[in-house]
């Protein structure tokens, strides 16, 4: 078997698992997240569009 084919398969499976785990975390919240504080909270609050844009 070709080594490149094996590496591509490993990369595809690992990326698929990463997307699966972090995608499910958005629904199931099994990886806890700490509240955002300080400069990060200020940046996040001002980078979101205002809710009035979608009404």
N, C-alpha and C. Protein backbone atom coordinates (compact mmCIF):
# COMPACT_ATOMS: atom_id res chain seq x y z
N UNK A 1 0.83 -1.18 0.00
CA UNK A 1 0.00 0.00 0.00
C UNK A 1 0.89 1.25 0.00
N UNK A 2 0.44 2.28 -0.65
CA UNK A 2 1.19 3.50 -0.77
C UNK A 2 1.15 4.30 0.54
N UNK A 3 2.29 4.83 0.98
CA UNK A 3 2.37 5.57 2.24
C UNK A 3 1.54 6.85 2.16
N UNK A 4 1.46 7.47 1.00
CA UNK A 4 0.68 8.69 0.84
C UNK A 4 -0.81 8.40 1.03
N UNK A 5 -1.27 7.28 0.55
CA UNK A 5 -2.67 6.90 0.71
C UNK A 5 -3.01 6.69 2.18
N UNK A 6 -2.09 6.10 2.93
CA UNK A 6 -2.29 5.87 4.36
C UNK A 6 -2.34 7.21 5.11
N UNK A 7 -1.42 8.13 4.78
CA UNK A 7 -1.40 9.44 5.44
C UNK A 7 -2.66 10.25 5.14
N UNK A 8 -3.15 10.17 3.92
CA UNK A 8 -4.38 10.88 3.56
C UNK A 8 -5.56 10.31 4.33
N UNK A 9 -5.62 9.00 4.48
CA UNK A 9 -6.71 8.38 5.22
C UNK A 9 -6.65 8.77 6.69
N UNK A 10 -5.47 8.78 7.28
CA UNK A 10 -5.31 9.18 8.68
C UNK A 10 -5.73 10.64 8.87
N UNK A 11 -5.34 11.51 7.94
CA UNK A 11 -5.70 12.93 8.03
C UNK A 11 -7.21 13.11 7.90
N UNK A 12 -7.84 12.41 7.00
CA UNK A 12 -9.28 12.54 6.80
C UNK A 12 -10.06 12.05 8.01
N UNK A 13 -9.64 10.92 8.57
CA UNK A 13 -10.34 10.38 9.74
C UNK A 13 -10.15 11.29 10.94
N UNK A 14 -8.92 11.77 11.17
CA UNK A 14 -8.69 12.62 12.33
C UNK A 14 -9.43 13.96 12.21
N UNK A 15 -9.44 14.57 11.03
CA UNK A 15 -10.20 15.81 10.85
C UNK A 15 -11.70 15.57 11.00
N UNK A 16 -12.17 14.45 10.52
CA UNK A 16 -13.58 14.11 10.68
C UNK A 16 -13.95 13.95 12.14
N UNK A 17 -13.10 13.31 12.92
CA UNK A 17 -13.38 13.15 14.35
C UNK A 17 -13.34 14.49 15.09
N UNK A 18 -12.39 15.35 14.70
CA UNK A 18 -12.31 16.66 15.34
C UNK A 18 -13.59 17.46 15.07
N UNK A 19 -14.03 17.49 13.80
CA UNK A 19 -15.26 18.22 13.47
C UNK A 19 -16.47 17.60 14.16
N UNK A 20 -16.51 16.28 14.27
CA UNK A 20 -17.63 15.61 14.93
C UNK A 20 -17.69 15.98 16.41
N UNK A 21 -16.56 15.89 17.10
CA UNK A 21 -16.53 16.16 18.54
C UNK A 21 -16.89 17.61 18.83
N UNK A 22 -16.25 18.56 18.13
CA UNK A 22 -16.53 19.96 18.42
C UNK A 22 -17.90 20.39 17.91
N UNK A 23 -18.40 19.74 16.87
CA UNK A 23 -19.75 20.03 16.41
C UNK A 23 -20.80 19.55 17.39
N UNK A 24 -20.61 18.34 17.94
CA UNK A 24 -21.54 17.84 18.94
C UNK A 24 -21.46 18.63 20.23
N UNK A 25 -20.28 19.19 20.53
CA UNK A 25 -20.14 19.99 21.75
C UNK A 25 -21.03 21.22 21.70
N UNK A 26 -21.30 21.74 20.53
CA UNK A 26 -22.21 22.87 20.42
C UNK A 26 -23.62 22.54 20.87
N UNK A 27 -24.02 21.28 20.73
CA UNK A 27 -25.36 20.86 21.14
C UNK A 27 -25.38 20.24 22.53
N UNK A 28 -24.38 19.44 22.85
CA UNK A 28 -24.41 18.67 24.10
C UNK A 28 -23.61 19.29 25.24
N UNK A 29 -22.71 20.22 24.94
CA UNK A 29 -21.91 20.93 25.95
C UNK A 29 -21.18 19.99 26.91
N UNK A 30 -20.48 19.01 26.39
CA UNK A 30 -19.72 18.10 27.24
C UNK A 30 -18.29 18.57 27.47
N UNK A 31 -17.83 19.61 26.76
CA UNK A 31 -16.55 20.25 27.02
C UNK A 31 -16.89 21.60 27.65
N UNK A 32 -16.71 21.75 28.97
CA UNK A 32 -17.12 23.00 29.61
C UNK A 32 -16.28 24.19 29.16
N UNK A 33 -16.93 25.35 29.08
CA UNK A 33 -16.27 26.57 28.69
C UNK A 33 -16.38 27.58 29.81
N UNK A 34 -15.27 28.21 30.14
CA UNK A 34 -15.28 29.23 31.17
C UNK A 34 -15.87 30.52 30.60
N UNK A 35 -16.46 31.35 31.47
CA UNK A 35 -16.98 32.63 30.97
C UNK A 35 -15.84 33.51 30.46
N UNK A 36 -16.14 34.27 29.42
CA UNK A 36 -15.13 35.15 28.82
C UNK A 36 -15.08 36.44 29.63
N UNK A 37 -13.86 36.87 29.95
CA UNK A 37 -13.69 38.09 30.75
C UNK A 37 -12.62 38.97 30.12
N UNK A 38 -12.62 40.24 30.51
CA UNK A 38 -11.56 41.16 30.13
C UNK A 38 -11.63 41.60 28.68
N UNK A 39 -10.45 41.67 28.08
CA UNK A 39 -10.32 42.18 26.71
C UNK A 39 -11.06 41.27 25.72
N UNK A 40 -11.02 39.98 25.97
CA UNK A 40 -11.70 39.05 25.06
C UNK A 40 -13.21 39.29 25.06
N UNK A 41 -13.79 39.54 26.23
CA UNK A 41 -15.23 39.80 26.32
C UNK A 41 -15.58 41.09 25.59
N UNK A 42 -14.74 42.11 25.75
CA UNK A 42 -14.98 43.38 25.07
C UNK A 42 -14.93 43.20 23.55
N UNK A 43 -13.94 42.47 23.07
CA UNK A 43 -13.81 42.22 21.63
C UNK A 43 -15.01 41.44 21.12
N UNK A 44 -15.40 40.38 21.83
CA UNK A 44 -16.50 39.53 21.40
C UNK A 44 -17.82 40.31 21.37
N UNK A 45 -18.04 41.16 22.37
CA UNK A 45 -19.28 41.92 22.44
C UNK A 45 -19.39 42.91 21.28
N UNK A 46 -18.27 43.48 20.86
CA UNK A 46 -18.32 44.48 19.80
C UNK A 46 -18.10 43.89 18.40
N UNK A 47 -17.80 42.62 18.30
CA UNK A 47 -17.64 42.01 16.99
C UNK A 47 -18.93 41.38 16.49
N UNK A 48 -19.94 41.26 17.36
CA UNK A 48 -21.22 40.69 16.97
C UNK A 48 -22.11 41.76 16.38
N UNK A 49 -22.86 41.44 15.34
CA UNK A 49 -23.77 42.46 14.76
C UNK A 49 -24.93 42.72 15.73
N UNK A 50 -25.47 43.91 15.73
CA UNK A 50 -26.61 44.20 16.61
C UNK A 50 -27.83 43.42 16.17
N UNK A 51 -28.67 43.07 17.13
CA UNK A 51 -29.87 42.25 16.85
C UNK A 51 -30.87 43.01 15.98
N UNK A 52 -30.81 44.33 15.98
CA UNK A 52 -31.78 45.10 15.21
C UNK A 52 -31.56 44.99 13.71
N UNK A 53 -30.41 44.49 13.28
CA UNK A 53 -30.15 44.35 11.84
C UNK A 53 -31.02 43.27 11.21
N UNK A 54 -31.51 42.32 12.01
CA UNK A 54 -32.22 41.17 11.46
C UNK A 54 -33.71 41.26 11.64
N UNK A 55 -34.22 42.39 12.10
CA UNK A 55 -35.68 42.51 12.29
C UNK A 55 -36.34 43.10 11.09
